[in-house]
PDB file of N, CA and C in Angstrom:
ATOM      1  N   MET A   1      99.749 115.756  95.849  1.00  0.00           N
ATOM      2  CA  MET A   1      99.170 115.565  96.979  1.00  0.00           C
ATOM      3  C   MET A   1     100.466 115.456  98.128  1.00  0.00           C
ATOM      4  N   LYS A   2     100.378 115.874  98.964  1.00  0.00           N
ATOM      5  CA  LYS A   2     101.294 116.028 100.741  1.00  0.00           C
ATOM      6  C   LYS A   2     100.930 114.516 100.634  1.00  0.00           C
ATOM      7  N   CYS A   3     101.707 113.387 101.320  1.00  0.00           N
ATOM      8  CA  CYS A   3     101.235 111.886 101.729  1.00  0.00           C
ATOM      9  C   CYS A   3     100.724 112.225 103.525  1.00  0.00           C
ATOM     10  N   VAL A   4     100.601 111.892 103.385  1.00  0.00           N
ATOM     11  CA  VAL A   4      99.344 111.797 104.600  1.00  0.00           C
ATOM     12  C   VAL A   4      99.569 111.146 106.019  1.00  0.00           C
ATOM     13  N   ILE A   5     100.408 109.315 105.562  1.00  0.00           N
ATOM     14  CA  ILE A   5     101.012 109.068 106.207  1.00  0.00           C
ATOM     15  C   ILE A   5     102.960 109.315 106.582  1.00  0.00           C
ATOM     16  N   CYS A   6     103.042 109.642 105.810  1.00  0.00           N
ATOM     17  CA  CYS A   6     105.131 109.835 106.433  1.00  0.00           C
ATOM     18  C   CYS A   6     105.291 111.883 106.316  1.00  0.00           C
ATOM     19  N   LYS A   7     104.247 112.663 106.094  1.00  0.00           N
ATOM     20  CA  LYS A   7     103.505 113.752 105.839  1.00  0.00           C
ATOM     21  C   LYS A   7     105.277 114.618 104.908  1.00  0.00           C
ATOM     22  N   SER A   8     105.843 114.071 104.236  1.00  0.00           N
ATOM     23  CA  SER A   8     106.593 115.067 103.579  1.00  0.00           C
ATOM     24  C   SER A   8     106.462 114.604 102.299  1.00  0.00           C
ATOM     25  N   GLY A   9     106.430 113.297 101.703  1.00  0.00           N
ATOM     26  CA  GLY A   9     106.367 113.432 100.453  1.00  0.00           C
ATOM     27  C   GLY A   9     105.317 113.500  99.340  1.00  0.00           C
ATOM     28  N   ASP A  10     106.103 113.703  98.018  1.00  0.00           N
ATOM     29  CA  ASP A  10     104.906 114.259  97.348  1.00  0.00           C
ATOM     30  C   ASP A  10     104.285 112.041  96.403  1.00  0.00           C
ATOM     31  N   THR A  11     102.716 113.069  96.263  1.00  0.00           N
ATOM     32  CA  THR A  11     102.506 111.908  94.965  1.00  0.00           C
ATOM     33  C   THR A  11     102.568 111.556  93.731  1.00  0.00           C
ATOM     34  N   SER A  12     102.250 110.856  93.317  1.00  0.00           N
ATOM     35  CA  SER A  12     102.401 111.013  91.967  1.00  0.00           C
ATOM     36  C   SER A  12     101.531 109.481  91.784  1.00  0.00           C
ATOM     37  N   ALA A  13     101.360 109.995  89.606  1.00  0.00           N
ATOM     38  CA  ALA A  13     100.440 109.269  89.510  1.00  0.00           C
ATOM     39  C   ALA A  13     101.292 107.511  89.791  1.00  0.00           C
ATOM     40  N   GLY A  14     100.743 106.418  89.321  1.00  0.00           N
ATOM     41  CA  GLY A  14     101.102 105.045  89.895  1.00  0.00           C
ATOM     42  C   GLY A  14     100.421 104.182  89.685  1.00  0.00           C
ATOM     43  N   THR A  15     101.174 102.995  90.301  1.00  0.00           N
ATOM     44  CA  THR A  15      99.903 101.642  90.479  1.00  0.00           C
ATOM     45  C   THR A  15     100.240 101.151  91.797  1.00  0.00           C
ATOM     46  N   THR A  16      99.695  99.966  92.154  1.00  0.00           N
ATOM     47  CA  THR A  16      99.293  99.365  93.238  1.00  0.00           C
ATOM     48  C   THR A  16      98.900  97.926  93.433  1.00  0.00           C
ATOM     49  N   THR A  17      98.527  97.520  94.525  1.00  0.00           N
ATOM     50  CA  THR A  17      98.887  95.792  94.637  1.00  0.00           C
ATOM     51  C   THR A  17      97.296  96.329  95.441  1.00  0.00           C
ATOM     52  N   VAL A  18      96.460  95.800  95.185  1.00  0.00           N
ATOM     53  CA  VAL A  18      94.804  95.325  96.501  1.00  0.00           C
ATOM     54  C   VAL A  18      94.623  94.682  96.409  1.00  0.00           C
ATOM     55  N   SER A  19      94.455  93.960  97.978  1.00  0.00           N
ATOM     56  CA  SER A  19      94.107  92.589  98.433  1.00  0.00           C
ATOM     57  C   SER A  19      92.454  93.208  99.415  1.00  0.00           C
ATOM     58  N   LEU A  20      91.968  92.514  98.723  1.00  0.00           N
ATOM     59  CA  LEU A  20      89.956  92.408  99.472  1.00  0.00           C
ATOM     60  C   LEU A  20      90.314  91.215 100.620  1.00  0.00           C
ATOM     61  N   THR A  21      89.705  91.339 101.486  1.00  0.00           N
ATOM     62  CA  THR A  21      88.804  90.389 101.837  1.00  0.00           C
ATOM     63  C   THR A  21      87.132  89.708 101.799  1.00  0.00           C
ATOM     64  N   ARG A  22      86.750  88.359 101.767  1.00  0.00           N
ATOM     65  CA  ARG A  22      84.845  89.246 101.803  1.00  0.00           C
ATOM     66  C   ARG A  22      85.292  87.243 102.665  1.00  0.00           C
ATOM     67  N   GLU A  23      84.387  87.729 103.655  1.00  0.00           N
ATOM     68  CA  GLU A  23      84.210  86.148 103.851  1.00  0.00           C
ATOM     69  C   GLU A  23      85.222  85.356 103.989  1.00  0.00           C
ATOM     70  N   HIS A  24      85.363  84.267 103.273  1.00  0.00           N
ATOM     71  CA  HIS A  24      86.111  83.026 102.714  1.00  0.00           C
ATOM     72  C   HIS A  24      86.705  83.418 101.843  1.00  0.00           C
ATOM     73  N   THR A  25      87.100  85.042 101.414  1.00  0.00           N
ATOM     74  CA  THR A  25      87.134  84.358  99.544  1.00  0.00           C
ATOM     75  C   THR A  25      88.372  86.274  99.710  1.00  0.00           C
ATOM     76  N   THR A  26      90.282  85.911  98.920  1.00  0.00           N
ATOM     77  CA  THR A  26      90.176  86.793  99.298  1.00  0.00           C
ATOM     78  C   THR A  26      90.766  87.334  97.653  1.00  0.00           C
ATOM     79  N   LEU A  27      90.800  88.507  97.494  1.00  0.00           N
ATOM     80  CA  LEU A  27      91.335  88.568  95.742  1.00  0.00           C
ATOM     81  C   LEU A  27      92.180  90.117  95.850  1.00  0.00           C
ATOM     82  N   VAL A  28      92.782  89.294  95.380  1.00  0.00           N
ATOM     83  CA  VAL A  28      94.249  90.047  95.115  1.00  0.00           C
ATOM     84  C   VAL A  28      93.892  91.077  93.870  1.00  0.00           C
ATOM     85  N   VAL A  29      94.514  92.321  93.336  1.00  0.00           N
ATOM     86  CA  VAL A  29      94.569  93.130  92.115  1.00  0.00           C
ATOM     87  C   VAL A  29      95.257  93.806  91.811  1.00  0.00           C
ATOM     88  N   LYS A  30      96.540  93.011  90.735  1.00  0.00           N
ATOM     89  CA  LYS A  30      97.675  94.202  90.441  1.00  0.00           C
ATOM     90  C   LYS A  30      96.955  94.914  89.524  1.00  0.00           C
ATOM     91  N   HIS A  31      97.697  96.515  89.244  1.00  0.00           N
ATOM     92  CA  HIS A  31      98.103  97.521  88.786  1.00  0.00           C
ATOM     93  C   HIS A  31      97.548  98.741  88.913  1.00  0.00           C
ATOM     94  N   VAL A  32      96.856  98.512  89.714  1.00  0.00           N
ATOM     95  CA  VAL A  32      95.945  99.326  90.140  1.00  0.00           C
ATOM     96  C   VAL A  32      95.697 100.626  90.119  1.00  0.00           C
ATOM     97  N   PRO A  33      95.257 101.492  89.242  1.00  0.00           N
ATOM     98  CA  PRO A  33      95.805 102.806  88.738  1.00  0.00           C
ATOM     99  C   PRO A  33      95.402 103.376  90.561  1.00  0.00           C
ATOM    100  N   ALA A  34      96.444 104.536  90.893  1.00  0.00           N
ATOM    101  CA  ALA A  34      97.074 105.050  92.234  1.00  0.00           C
ATOM    102  C   ALA A  34      97.923 106.270  92.387  1.00  0.00           C
ATOM    103  N   GLU A  35      97.962 107.344  93.407  1.00  0.00           N
ATOM    104  CA  GLU A  35      98.863 108.028  93.794  1.00  0.00           C
ATOM    105  C   GLU A  35      99.886 107.913  94.367  1.00  0.00           C
ATOM    106  N   VAL A  36     100.829 107.733  94.379  1.00  0.00           N
ATOM    107  CA  VAL A  36     101.635 107.363  95.112  1.00  0.00           C
ATOM    108  C   VAL A  36     102.491 108.153  95.394  1.00  0.00           C
ATOM    109  N   CYS A  37     102.996 107.746  97.482  1.00  0.00           N
ATOM    110  CA  CYS A  37     103.653 108.300  97.644  1.00  0.00           C
ATOM    111  C   CYS A  37     105.609 108.229  97.207  1.00  0.00           C
ATOM    112  N   GLN A  38     105.810 109.293  96.797  1.00  0.00           N
ATOM    113  CA  GLN A  38     107.088 108.576  96.755  1.00  0.00           C
ATOM    114  C   GLN A  38     109.061 108.591  97.606  1.00  0.00           C
ATOM    115  N   THR A  39     108.056 109.171  98.857  1.00  0.00           N
ATOM    116  CA  THR A  39     109.581 108.782  99.571  1.00  0.00           C
ATOM    117  C   THR A  39     108.194 107.434 100.792  1.00  0.00           C
ATOM    118  N   CYS A  40     107.567 106.874 100.943  1.00  0.00           N
ATOM    119  CA  CYS A  40     107.140 106.029 102.016  1.00  0.00           C
ATOM    120  C   CYS A  40     106.392 104.535 101.114  1.00  0.00           C
ATOM    121  N   GLY A  41     106.207 105.213  99.271  1.00  0.00           N
ATOM    122  CA  GLY A  41     105.132 103.997  99.389  1.00  0.00           C
ATOM    123  C   GLY A  41     104.236 103.974  99.376  1.00  0.00           C
ATOM    124  N   GLU A  42     103.162 104.743 100.218  1.00  0.00           N
ATOM    125  CA  GLU A  42     101.888 104.885 100.025  1.00  0.00           C
ATOM    126  C   GLU A  42     101.113 104.845  99.202  1.00  0.00           C
ATOM    127  N   ALA A  43      99.691 104.646  98.615  1.00  0.00           N
ATOM    128  CA  ALA A  43      99.164 104.334  97.430  1.00  0.00           C
ATOM    129  C   ALA A  43      97.724 104.782  97.721  1.00  0.00           C
ATOM    130  N   TYR A  44      96.952 105.934  97.045  1.00  0.00           N
ATOM    131  CA  TYR A  44      96.116 106.427  97.387  1.00  0.00           C
ATOM    132  C   TYR A  44      95.206 106.544  95.698  1.00  0.00           C
ATOM    133  N   VAL A  45      93.621 105.201  96.317  1.00  0.00           N
ATOM    134  CA  VAL A  45      93.557 104.749  94.978  1.00  0.00           C
ATOM    135  C   VAL A  45      92.232 106.078  95.082  1.00  0.00           C
ATOM    136  N   ASP A  46      91.441 106.721  93.902  1.00  0.00           N
ATOM    137  CA  ASP A  46      90.643 107.312  93.580  1.00  0.00           C
ATOM    138  C   ASP A  46      88.676 106.385  93.932  1.00  0.00           C
ATOM    139  N   GLU A  47      87.970 107.576  94.228  1.00  0.00           N
ATOM    140  CA  GLU A  47      86.666 107.265  94.318  1.00  0.00           C
ATOM    141  C   GLU A  47      86.248 106.374  93.530  1.00  0.00           C
ATOM    142  N   ALA A  48      85.815 106.118  92.254  1.00  0.00           N
ATOM    143  CA  ALA A  48      85.591 105.259  91.207  1.00  0.00           C
ATOM    144  C   ALA A  48      86.360 104.158  91.038  1.00  0.00           C
ATOM    145  N   THR A  49      87.253 104.330  91.079  1.00  0.00           N
ATOM    146  CA  THR A  49      87.796 103.122  90.677  1.00  0.00           C
ATOM    147  C   THR A  49      87.936 101.958  92.245  1.00  0.00           C
ATOM    148  N   THR A  50      87.839 102.672  94.196  1.00  0.00           N
ATOM    149  CA  THR A  50      87.512 101.817  95.291  1.00  0.00           C
ATOM    150  C   THR A  50      85.957 101.023  95.070  1.00  0.00           C
ATOM    151  N   ALA A  51      85.341 101.212  94.318  1.00  0.00           N
ATOM    152  CA  ALA A  51      84.227 100.967  94.379  1.00  0.00           C
ATOM    153  C   ALA A  51      84.389 100.846  93.027  1.00  0.00           C
ATOM    154  N   HIS A  52      84.532 100.146  92.735  1.00  0.00           N
ATOM    155  CA  HIS A  52      84.957  98.943  91.125  1.00  0.00           C
ATOM    156  C   HIS A  52      85.540  97.901  92.037  1.00  0.00           C
ATOM    157  N   LEU A  53      86.023  98.081  92.972  1.00  0.00           N
ATOM    158  CA  LEU A  53      86.723  96.567  93.520  1.00  0.00           C
ATOM    159  C   LEU A  53      86.148  96.804  94.128  1.00  0.00           C
ATOM    160  N   LEU A  54      85.723  97.232  95.214  1.00  0.00           N
ATOM    161  CA  LEU A  54      84.856  97.024  96.045  1.00  0.00           C
ATOM    162  C   LEU A  54      83.571  96.255  95.877  1.00  0.00           C
ATOM    163  N   GLU A  55      83.252  96.119  94.398  1.00  0.00           N
ATOM    164  CA  GLU A  55      81.921  95.567  94.038  1.00  0.00           C
ATOM    165  C   GLU A  55      82.373  94.228  93.076  1.00  0.00           C
ATOM    166  N   THR A  56      83.575  94.205  92.159  1.00  0.00           N
ATOM    167  CA  THR A  56      84.593  92.935  92.530  1.00  0.00           C
ATOM    168  C   THR A  56      84.590  91.474  93.205  1.00  0.00           C
ATOM    169  N   ALA A  57      85.269  92.524  94.051  1.00  0.00           N
ATOM    170  CA  ALA A  57      84.987  91.993  95.726  1.00  0.00           C
ATOM    171  C   ALA A  57      83.526  91.022  95.955  1.00  0.00           C
ATOM    172  N   ASP A  58      82.805  91.865  95.986  1.00  0.00           N
ATOM    173  CA  ASP A  58      81.667  91.732  96.566  1.00  0.00           C
ATOM    174  C   ASP A  58      80.887  90.292  95.922  1.00  0.00           C
ATOM    175  N   GLU A  59      80.993  90.789  94.427  1.00  0.00           N
ATOM    176  CA  GLU A  59      80.835  89.993  92.861  1.00  0.00           C
ATOM    177  C   GLU A  59      81.748  87.881  93.227  1.00  0.00           C
ATOM    178  N   ALA A  60      83.146  87.982  93.321  1.00  0.00           N
ATOM    179  CA  ALA A  60      84.329  87.301  93.995  1.00  0.00           C
ATOM    180  C   ALA A  60      83.710  86.725  95.159  1.00  0.00           C
ATOM    181  N   ALA A  61      83.010  87.234  95.862  1.00  0.00           N
ATOM    182  CA  ALA A  61      82.599  86.151  96.993  1.00  0.00           C
ATOM    183  C   ALA A  61      81.006  85.072  97.043  1.00  0.00           C
ATOM    184  N   ARG A  62      80.493  86.166  96.506  1.00  0.00           N
ATOM    185  CA  ARG A  62      78.690  86.003  95.883  1.00  0.00           C
ATOM    186  C   ARG A  62      78.992  84.498  94.964  1.00  0.00           C
ATOM    187  N   THR A  63      80.117  83.837  93.994  1.00  0.00           N
ATOM    188  CA  THR A  63      80.440  83.172  93.339  1.00  0.00           C
ATOM    189  C   THR A  63      80.825  81.841  94.417  1.00  0.00           C
ATOM    190  N   GLY A  64      81.803  82.245  95.337  1.00  0.00           N
ATOM    191  CA  GLY A  64      82.201  81.308  96.172  1.00  0.00           C
ATOM    192  C   GLY A  64      83.722  81.142  95.842  1.00  0.00           C
ATOM    193  N   VAL A  65      84.304  82.399  95.343  1.00  0.00           N
ATOM    194  CA  VAL A  65      85.831  83.186  94.414  1.00  0.00           C
ATOM    195  C   VAL A  65      85.705  82.323  96.449  1.00  0.00           C
ATOM    196  N   GLU A  66      87.515  81.760  96.131  1.00  0.00           N
ATOM    197  CA  GLU A  66      88.070  81.925  97.878  1.00  0.00           C
ATOM    198  C   GLU A  66      89.681  82.480  97.535  1.00  0.00           C
ATOM    199  N   LEU A  67      90.409  81.691  95.887  1.00  0.00           N
ATOM    200  CA  LEU A  67      91.327  83.187  96.027  1.00  0.00           C
ATOM    201  C   LEU A  67      91.641  83.256  94.698  1.00  0.00           C
ATOM    202  N   ASP A  68      91.793  84.896  94.821  1.00  0.00           N
ATOM    203  CA  ASP A  68      91.749  84.958  93.454  1.00  0.00           C
ATOM    204  C   ASP A  68      92.628  85.766  92.722  1.00  0.00           C
ATOM    205  N   VAL A  69      93.065  86.013  91.492  1.00  0.00           N
ATOM    206  CA  VAL A  69      95.150  86.574  91.508  1.00  0.00           C
ATOM    207  C   VAL A  69      94.232  87.455  90.117  1.00  0.00           C
ATOM    208  N   ARG A  70      94.201  89.485  90.334  1.00  0.00           N
ATOM    209  CA  ARG A  70      93.529  89.477  88.689  1.00  0.00           C
ATOM    210  C   ARG A  70      94.325  90.348  88.488  1.00  0.00           C
ATOM    211  N   GLU A  71      94.549  90.998  87.713  1.00  0.00           N
ATOM    212  CA  GLU A  71      95.190  91.991  86.853  1.00  0.00           C
ATOM    213  C   GLU A  71      94.092  93.444  87.001  1.00  0.00           C
ATOM    214  N   TYR A  72      94.146  94.729  87.649  1.00  0.00           N
ATOM    215  CA  TYR A  72      93.238  95.640  87.605  1.00  0.00           C
ATOM    216  C   TYR A  72      92.600  96.064  86.272  1.00  0.00           C
ATOM    217  N   ALA A  73      91.191  95.693  86.206  1.00  0.00           N
ATOM    218  CA  ALA A  73      90.599  96.294  83.937  1.00  0.00           C
ATOM    219  C   ALA A  73      89.101  97.118  84.949  1.00  0.00           C
ATOM    220  N   GLY A  74      89.734  98.422  84.400  1.00  0.00           N
ATOM    221  CA  GLY A  74      88.890  99.983  84.697  1.00  0.00           C
ATOM    222  C   GLY A  74      87.240  99.643  84.843  1.00  0.00           C
ATOM    223  N   ALA A  75      86.344 100.039  85.205  1.00  0.00           N
ATOM    224  CA  ALA A  75      85.211 100.177  84.646  1.00  0.00           C
ATOM    225  C   ALA A  75      84.592 100.448  83.638  1.00  0.00           C
TER     226      ALA A  75
END
């Protein structure tokens, strides 16, 4: 797909790092599968992966985690 940010690059399968904050919790997830623009590096994460990341962040916030760095583990 064409990148909506730079409008000139095409995306291809790759990975990215996602940081999410919930209240006093910051969750960093590395190696998240994404479509990544080959020109500007913008990453696009699909809906199922996004839902899994948000659920993981909410769970970490409920358990009182302040900072956590994880490798992505699919749903």
